[in-house]
Amino acid sequence: MYKKTVAAIISLLLTVNIVSGLVLFARWQDYKLKAASITVSTGKIQVEVLEANSNRPIDGATVCVIESRHYENTNKYGKTSLISVPIIKNVNFDLSVERTWGEVTLLVYKNGYADSINFYTAVMPNSTRVGIIIYLTPIISTGDLAPSVNIESPNKLWIESLIKLYKKR
């Protein structure tokens, strides 16, 4: 009797584990499909890195596109070559006013300068965006070590559409 009870419990636990595994696998597949559908295309960007105090170009600064783990160095003009980036849509407002562009995060750094991280850098699908200027501050004292954090606002027309949709009159 005892052996039958233990065998039944083990059989039940094994069945529960198999079912749980199948559910987790199905959820993982669904997650992969959703993640793949968010990235729909690519765009290109060119970043220009300037010294904050003098506006002089910074040669040899590193620009990292965090979402794609792509690293690019600036040339003597402070510019990167064209960088292909994924269009990762921010779906936070899809029920209100859908965003037609993607957003990437840029980390920019060079020895002797405070790091800069730039959130929500907009990139349109199948287009090239130039003129993204990032300023690095030279490190003169320990107070200059703090990274600069920049946030790019969404397109003005999109903001106006969102306000119009929700503002009570």
Protein backbone atom coordinates (compact mmCIF):
# COMPACT_ATOMS: atom_id res chain seq x y z
CA MET A 1 0.00 0.00 0.00
CA TYR A 2 2.79 2.42 0.95
CA LYS A 3 4.68 1.73 -2.29
CA LYS A 4 1.54 2.39 -4.36
CA THR A 5 0.96 5.72 -2.58
CA VAL A 6 4.57 6.83 -3.11
CA ALA A 7 4.41 5.74 -6.75
CA ALA A 8 1.17 7.68 -7.24
CA ILE A 9 2.65 10.81 -5.66
CA ILE A 10 5.80 10.54 -7.78
CA SER A 11 3.69 10.00 -10.88
CA LEU A 12 1.53 13.01 -10.02
CA LEU A 13 4.59 15.21 -9.40
CA LEU A 14 6.16 14.07 -12.65
CA THR A 15 2.96 14.89 -14.55
CA VAL A 16 2.76 18.34 -12.92
CA ASN A 17 6.40 19.02 -13.85
CA ILE A 18 5.83 17.98 -17.46
CA VAL A 19 2.71 20.15 -17.77
CA SER A 20 4.50 23.09 -16.12
CA GLY A 21 7.41 22.68 -18.51
CA LEU A 22 5.08 22.66 -21.52
CA VAL A 23 3.30 25.81 -20.27
CA LEU A 24 6.64 27.59 -19.72
CA PHE A 25 7.82 26.51 -23.17
CA ALA A 26 4.62 27.85 -24.77
CA ARG A 27 4.96 31.14 -22.92
CA TRP A 28 8.61 31.43 -23.97
CA GLN A 29 7.66 30.87 -27.62
CA ASP A 30 4.94 33.53 -27.30
CA TYR A 31 7.43 35.94 -25.72
CA LYS A 32 9.92 35.35 -28.56
CA LEU A 33 7.21 36.04 -31.15
CA LYS A 34 6.19 39.27 -29.42
CA ALA A 35 9.80 40.42 -29.05
CA ALA A 36 10.45 39.69 -32.73
CA SER A 37 7.36 41.65 -33.78
CA ILE A 38 8.50 44.73 -31.83
CA THR A 39 11.67 45.03 -33.90
CA VAL A 40 10.24 45.57 -37.36
CA SER A 41 13.06 47.17 -39.33
CA THR A 42 16.22 49.22 -39.05
CA GLY A 43 17.31 52.80 -39.40
CA LYS A 44 20.68 54.52 -39.47
CA ILE A 45 22.18 57.15 -37.22
CA GLN A 46 25.35 59.21 -37.18
CA VAL A 47 26.50 60.58 -33.84
CA GLU A 48 28.69 63.65 -33.39
CA VAL A 49 30.63 63.98 -30.13
CA LEU A 50 31.81 67.42 -29.01
CA GLU A 51 33.65 68.74 -25.97
CA ALA A 52 31.10 70.53 -23.79
CA ASN A 53 33.31 73.54 -22.95
CA SER A 54 34.74 74.31 -26.38
CA ASN A 55 32.41 72.62 -28.92
CA ARG A 56 35.51 71.00 -30.45
CA PRO A 57 35.07 67.54 -31.99
CA ILE A 58 36.37 64.63 -29.93
CA ASP A 59 38.41 62.09 -31.89
CA GLY A 60 38.35 58.51 -30.61
CA ALA A 61 35.25 58.71 -28.40
CA THR A 62 33.32 55.43 -28.18
CA VAL A 63 29.61 55.34 -28.98
CA CYS A 64 27.75 52.22 -27.88
CA VAL A 65 24.21 51.49 -29.08
CA ILE A 66 23.11 49.54 -26.03
CA GLU A 67 20.19 47.67 -27.65
CA SER A 68 22.36 46.16 -30.40
CA ARG A 69 25.66 46.08 -28.45
CA HIS A 70 27.29 47.91 -31.38
CA TYR A 71 30.40 50.01 -30.69
CA GLU A 72 31.68 52.73 -32.99
CA ASN A 73 34.54 55.24 -32.57
CA THR A 74 34.43 58.86 -33.67
CA ASN A 75 36.83 60.24 -36.28
CA LYS A 76 38.86 63.49 -36.14
CA TYR A 77 35.64 65.41 -36.88
CA GLY A 78 33.97 63.84 -33.84
CA LYS A 79 31.60 61.82 -36.01
CA THR A 80 30.83 58.13 -36.25
CA SER A 81 30.20 56.41 -39.53
CA LEU A 82 26.56 55.56 -40.23
CA ILE A 83 25.39 53.02 -37.67
CA SER A 84 22.56 50.63 -38.50
CA VAL A 85 20.24 50.33 -35.49
CA PRO A 86 17.14 48.25 -34.78
CA ILE A 87 13.78 49.98 -34.71
CA ILE A 88 12.56 49.02 -31.25
CA LYS A 89 9.16 50.57 -30.76
CA ASN A 90 8.11 51.91 -27.38
CA VAL A 91 4.65 50.38 -27.07
CA ASN A 92 3.65 52.24 -23.88
CA PHE A 93 1.16 54.43 -25.75
CA ASP A 94 -0.06 52.05 -28.47
CA LEU A 95 -3.61 52.19 -27.09
CA SER A 96 -3.55 55.99 -27.35
CA VAL A 97 -1.28 57.34 -30.10
CA GLU A 98 1.06 54.74 -31.59
CA ARG A 99 4.68 55.73 -32.07
CA THR A 100 5.92 55.13 -35.61
CA TRP A 101 9.59 55.33 -34.69
CA GLY A 102 12.00 53.30 -32.60
CA GLU A 103 14.20 54.37 -29.72
CA VAL A 104 17.75 53.45 -28.81
CA THR A 105 20.02 54.20 -25.87
CA LEU A 106 23.46 55.65 -26.58
CA LEU A 107 26.39 55.39 -24.18
CA VAL A 108 29.29 57.70 -25.10
CA TYR A 109 32.66 57.72 -23.36
CA LYS A 110 36.35 58.51 -23.64
CA ASN A 111 39.20 58.56 -21.12
CA GLY A 112 39.52 62.02 -19.59
CA TYR A 113 35.80 62.80 -20.01
CA ALA A 114 32.70 62.08 -17.94
CA ASP A 115 30.47 59.41 -19.48
CA SER A 116 27.22 60.37 -21.18
CA ILE A 117 24.15 58.18 -21.53
CA ASN A 118 21.31 59.22 -23.82
CA PHE A 119 17.88 57.62 -23.50
CA TYR A 120 15.04 57.50 -26.05
CA THR A 121 17.07 58.57 -29.08
CA ALA A 122 14.48 58.44 -31.87
CA VAL A 123 15.14 56.55 -35.09
CA MET A 124 12.67 56.37 -37.98
CA PRO A 125 12.34 53.08 -39.89
CA ASN A 126 14.26 52.87 -43.16
CA SER A 127 15.78 56.34 -42.76
CA THR A 128 19.05 57.99 -41.78
CA ARG A 129 19.28 60.44 -38.90
CA VAL A 130 22.34 62.69 -38.70
CA GLY A 131 22.98 65.56 -36.32
CA ILE A 132 22.71 63.66 -33.05
CA ILE A 133 25.14 65.75 -30.99
CA ILE A 134 26.43 64.50 -27.66
CA TYR A 135 28.61 66.63 -25.41
CA LEU A 136 31.30 65.17 -23.18
CA THR A 137 32.58 67.13 -20.19
CA PRO A 138 36.32 66.99 -19.49
CA ILE A 139 37.26 65.62 -16.07
CA ILE A 140 39.20 68.33 -14.26
CA SER A 141 38.37 67.38 -10.66
CA THR A 142 36.59 64.50 -8.91
CA GLY A 143 33.34 66.48 -9.07
CA ASP A 144 33.40 66.06 -12.85
CA LEU A 145 33.17 62.25 -12.70
CA ALA A 146 29.36 62.11 -12.62
CA PRO A 147 27.93 60.92 -15.94
CA SER A 148 25.58 63.18 -17.84
CA VAL A 149 22.14 61.72 -18.45
CA ASN A 150 20.12 63.00 -21.39
CA ILE A 151 16.57 62.15 -22.39
CA GLU A 152 15.19 62.93 -25.83
CA SER A 153 11.59 64.09 -25.99
CA PRO A 154 9.22 62.51 -28.52
CA ASN A 155 8.22 64.27 -31.73
CA LYS A 156 6.25 67.51 -31.14
CA LEU A 157 3.31 66.44 -33.35
CA TRP A 158 3.02 63.16 -31.47
CA ILE A 159 3.02 65.01 -28.11
CA GLU A 160 0.30 67.39 -29.37
CA SER A 161 -1.80 64.41 -30.53
CA LEU A 162 -1.49 62.77 -27.12
CA ILE A 163 -2.46 65.99 -25.33
CA LYS A 164 -5.44 66.53 -27.66
CA LEU A 165 -6.63 62.98 -27.01
CA TYR A 166 -6.65 63.31 -23.22
CA LYS A 167 -7.13 66.98 -22.40
CA LYS A 168 -10.65 67.69 -21.14
CA ARG A 169 -12.22 70.84 -22.53
